[in-house]
Amino acid sequence: MKKLPPGQASAYLNHPEQADQIAAAARLRCLNEHTGSKRLGDIFEQLDWELLEHRNG
């Protein structure tokens, strides 16, 4: 887990609205970028590369 610079945690505690905005943006990014179909696509892409390497190797 990434460490915060000194004072960063207290800055978020002193500005909870900003912390909430950052958390909401992070949640949306996770929901958009880490979908089941994305994971399956990654798996199939990896399998395809392994099959090509095996075939050409």
N, C-alpha and C. Protein backbone atom coordinates (compact mmCIF):
# COMPACT_ATOMS: atom_id res chain seq x y z
N MET A 1 0.84 -1.18 0.00
CA MET A 1 0.00 0.00 0.00
C MET A 1 0.89 1.24 0.00
N LYS A 2 0.49 2.21 -0.77
CA LYS A 2 1.28 3.43 -0.92
C LYS A 2 1.21 4.27 0.36
N LYS A 3 2.38 4.73 0.82
CA LYS A 3 2.43 5.59 2.00
C LYS A 3 2.14 7.03 1.60
N LEU A 4 1.42 7.72 2.45
CA LEU A 4 1.14 9.14 2.21
C LEU A 4 2.31 9.98 2.72
N PRO A 5 2.59 11.08 2.04
CA PRO A 5 3.61 12.00 2.55
C PRO A 5 3.20 12.53 3.92
N PRO A 6 4.16 12.96 4.73
CA PRO A 6 3.81 13.49 6.05
C PRO A 6 2.79 14.63 5.94
N GLY A 7 1.77 14.57 6.75
CA GLY A 7 0.76 15.61 6.77
C GLY A 7 -0.39 15.37 5.81
N GLN A 8 -0.24 14.45 4.88
CA GLN A 8 -1.28 14.21 3.87
C GLN A 8 -2.55 13.64 4.52
N ALA A 9 -2.39 12.69 5.43
CA ALA A 9 -3.57 12.11 6.08
C ALA A 9 -4.33 13.17 6.86
N SER A 10 -3.61 14.00 7.58
CA SER A 10 -4.31 15.04 8.35
C SER A 10 -4.97 16.06 7.42
N ALA A 11 -4.38 16.29 6.24
CA ALA A 11 -5.01 17.20 5.27
C ALA A 11 -6.36 16.65 4.84
N TYR A 12 -6.43 15.34 4.59
CA TYR A 12 -7.71 14.74 4.21
C TYR A 12 -8.70 14.74 5.37
N LEU A 13 -8.19 14.55 6.57
CA LEU A 13 -9.08 14.59 7.74
C LEU A 13 -9.63 16.00 7.95
N ASN A 14 -8.84 17.01 7.62
CA ASN A 14 -9.28 18.39 7.78
C ASN A 14 -10.18 18.86 6.63
N HIS A 15 -10.19 18.11 5.53
CA HIS A 15 -11.01 18.45 4.36
C HIS A 15 -11.78 17.21 3.90
N PRO A 16 -12.77 16.79 4.68
CA PRO A 16 -13.48 15.55 4.36
C PRO A 16 -14.22 15.60 3.01
N GLU A 17 -14.63 16.79 2.58
CA GLU A 17 -15.32 16.89 1.28
C GLU A 17 -14.37 16.48 0.16
N GLN A 18 -13.14 16.94 0.24
CA GLN A 18 -12.14 16.59 -0.78
C GLN A 18 -11.84 15.09 -0.72
N ALA A 19 -11.72 14.56 0.48
CA ALA A 19 -11.47 13.12 0.63
C ALA A 19 -12.62 12.31 0.03
N ASP A 20 -13.87 12.77 0.24
CA ASP A 20 -15.03 12.08 -0.32
C ASP A 20 -15.01 12.13 -1.85
N GLN A 21 -14.62 13.26 -2.42
CA GLN A 21 -14.55 13.38 -3.88
C GLN A 21 -13.50 12.43 -4.46
N ILE A 22 -12.36 12.35 -3.81
CA ILE A 22 -11.29 11.46 -4.25
C ILE A 22 -11.76 10.00 -4.16
N ALA A 23 -12.41 9.66 -3.05
CA ALA A 23 -12.90 8.30 -2.87
C ALA A 23 -13.95 7.95 -3.92
N ALA A 24 -14.85 8.88 -4.23
CA ALA A 24 -15.89 8.62 -5.23
C ALA A 24 -15.26 8.43 -6.61
N ALA A 25 -14.27 9.24 -6.95
CA ALA A 25 -13.60 9.10 -8.24
C ALA A 25 -12.86 7.76 -8.33
N ALA A 26 -12.24 7.35 -7.24
CA ALA A 26 -11.53 6.07 -7.22
C ALA A 26 -12.50 4.91 -7.38
N ARG A 27 -13.64 5.01 -6.73
CA ARG A 27 -14.66 3.96 -6.84
C ARG A 27 -15.16 3.84 -8.28
N LEU A 28 -15.45 4.97 -8.91
CA LEU A 28 -15.92 4.94 -10.30
C LEU A 28 -14.86 4.36 -11.23
N ARG A 29 -13.62 4.71 -10.99
CA ARG A 29 -12.53 4.17 -11.83
C ARG A 29 -12.46 2.65 -11.68
N CYS A 30 -12.55 2.17 -10.45
CA CYS A 30 -12.52 0.72 -10.23
C CYS A 30 -13.70 0.03 -10.91
N LEU A 31 -14.88 0.60 -10.77
CA LEU A 31 -16.06 -0.01 -11.38
C LEU A 31 -15.96 -0.02 -12.90
N ASN A 32 -15.36 1.01 -13.49
CA ASN A 32 -15.25 1.10 -14.94
C ASN A 32 -14.11 0.27 -15.51
N GLU A 33 -13.02 0.15 -14.77
CA GLU A 33 -11.83 -0.49 -15.32
C GLU A 33 -11.64 -1.94 -14.88
N HIS A 34 -12.35 -2.38 -13.88
CA HIS A 34 -12.14 -3.73 -13.35
C HIS A 34 -13.43 -4.53 -13.43
N THR A 35 -13.95 -4.64 -14.65
CA THR A 35 -15.19 -5.37 -14.86
C THR A 35 -14.89 -6.84 -15.14
N GLY A 36 -15.91 -7.66 -15.02
CA GLY A 36 -15.76 -9.08 -15.31
C GLY A 36 -15.36 -9.31 -16.75
N SER A 37 -15.97 -8.58 -17.68
CA SER A 37 -15.63 -8.77 -19.09
C SER A 37 -14.20 -8.35 -19.38
N LYS A 38 -13.72 -7.31 -18.68
CA LYS A 38 -12.33 -6.89 -18.85
C LYS A 38 -11.39 -7.99 -18.36
N ARG A 39 -11.70 -8.58 -17.22
CA ARG A 39 -10.86 -9.65 -16.68
C ARG A 39 -10.85 -10.84 -17.62
N LEU A 40 -12.03 -11.23 -18.14
CA LEU A 40 -12.09 -12.35 -19.07
C LEU A 40 -11.29 -12.04 -20.33
N GLY A 41 -11.38 -10.82 -20.83
CA GLY A 41 -10.59 -10.43 -21.99
C GLY A 41 -9.11 -10.56 -21.72
N ASP A 42 -8.68 -10.15 -20.54
CA ASP A 42 -7.27 -10.27 -20.17
C ASP A 42 -6.84 -11.73 -20.13
N ILE A 43 -7.69 -12.59 -19.58
CA ILE A 43 -7.39 -14.02 -19.49
C ILE A 43 -7.27 -14.62 -20.88
N PHE A 44 -8.25 -14.33 -21.75
CA PHE A 44 -8.21 -14.89 -23.10
C PHE A 44 -7.02 -14.36 -23.89
N GLU A 45 -6.67 -13.10 -23.68
CA GLU A 45 -5.49 -12.55 -24.35
C GLU A 45 -4.24 -13.27 -23.91
N GLN A 46 -4.12 -13.52 -22.61
CA GLN A 46 -2.95 -14.23 -22.09
C GLN A 46 -2.91 -15.66 -22.63
N LEU A 47 -4.05 -16.34 -22.67
CA LEU A 47 -4.09 -17.69 -23.20
C LEU A 47 -3.69 -17.70 -24.68
N ASP A 48 -4.15 -16.72 -25.43
CA ASP A 48 -3.81 -16.62 -26.84
C ASP A 48 -2.30 -16.47 -27.02
N TRP A 49 -1.68 -15.61 -26.23
CA TRP A 49 -0.23 -15.42 -26.33
C TRP A 49 0.52 -16.70 -25.98
N GLU A 50 0.05 -17.41 -24.94
CA GLU A 50 0.72 -18.64 -24.55
C GLU A 50 0.57 -19.69 -25.64
N LEU A 51 -0.60 -19.77 -26.28
CA LEU A 51 -0.78 -20.72 -27.38
C LEU A 51 0.11 -20.37 -28.56
N LEU A 52 0.23 -19.08 -28.88
CA LEU A 52 1.10 -18.66 -29.98
C LEU A 52 2.56 -18.97 -29.69
N GLU A 53 3.00 -18.73 -28.45
CA GLU A 53 4.39 -19.02 -28.08
C GLU A 53 4.66 -20.52 -28.16
N HIS A 54 3.71 -21.31 -27.72
CA HIS A 54 3.87 -22.77 -27.75
C HIS A 54 3.94 -23.26 -29.20
N ARG A 55 3.08 -22.68 -30.05
CA ARG A 55 3.01 -23.08 -31.45
C ARG A 55 4.29 -22.67 -32.20
N ASN A 56 4.81 -21.48 -31.89
CA ASN A 56 5.99 -20.97 -32.60
C ASN A 56 7.30 -21.35 -31.93
N GLY A 57 7.23 -21.86 -30.72
CA GLY A 57 8.44 -22.15 -29.95
C GLY A 57 8.99 -23.47 -30.24
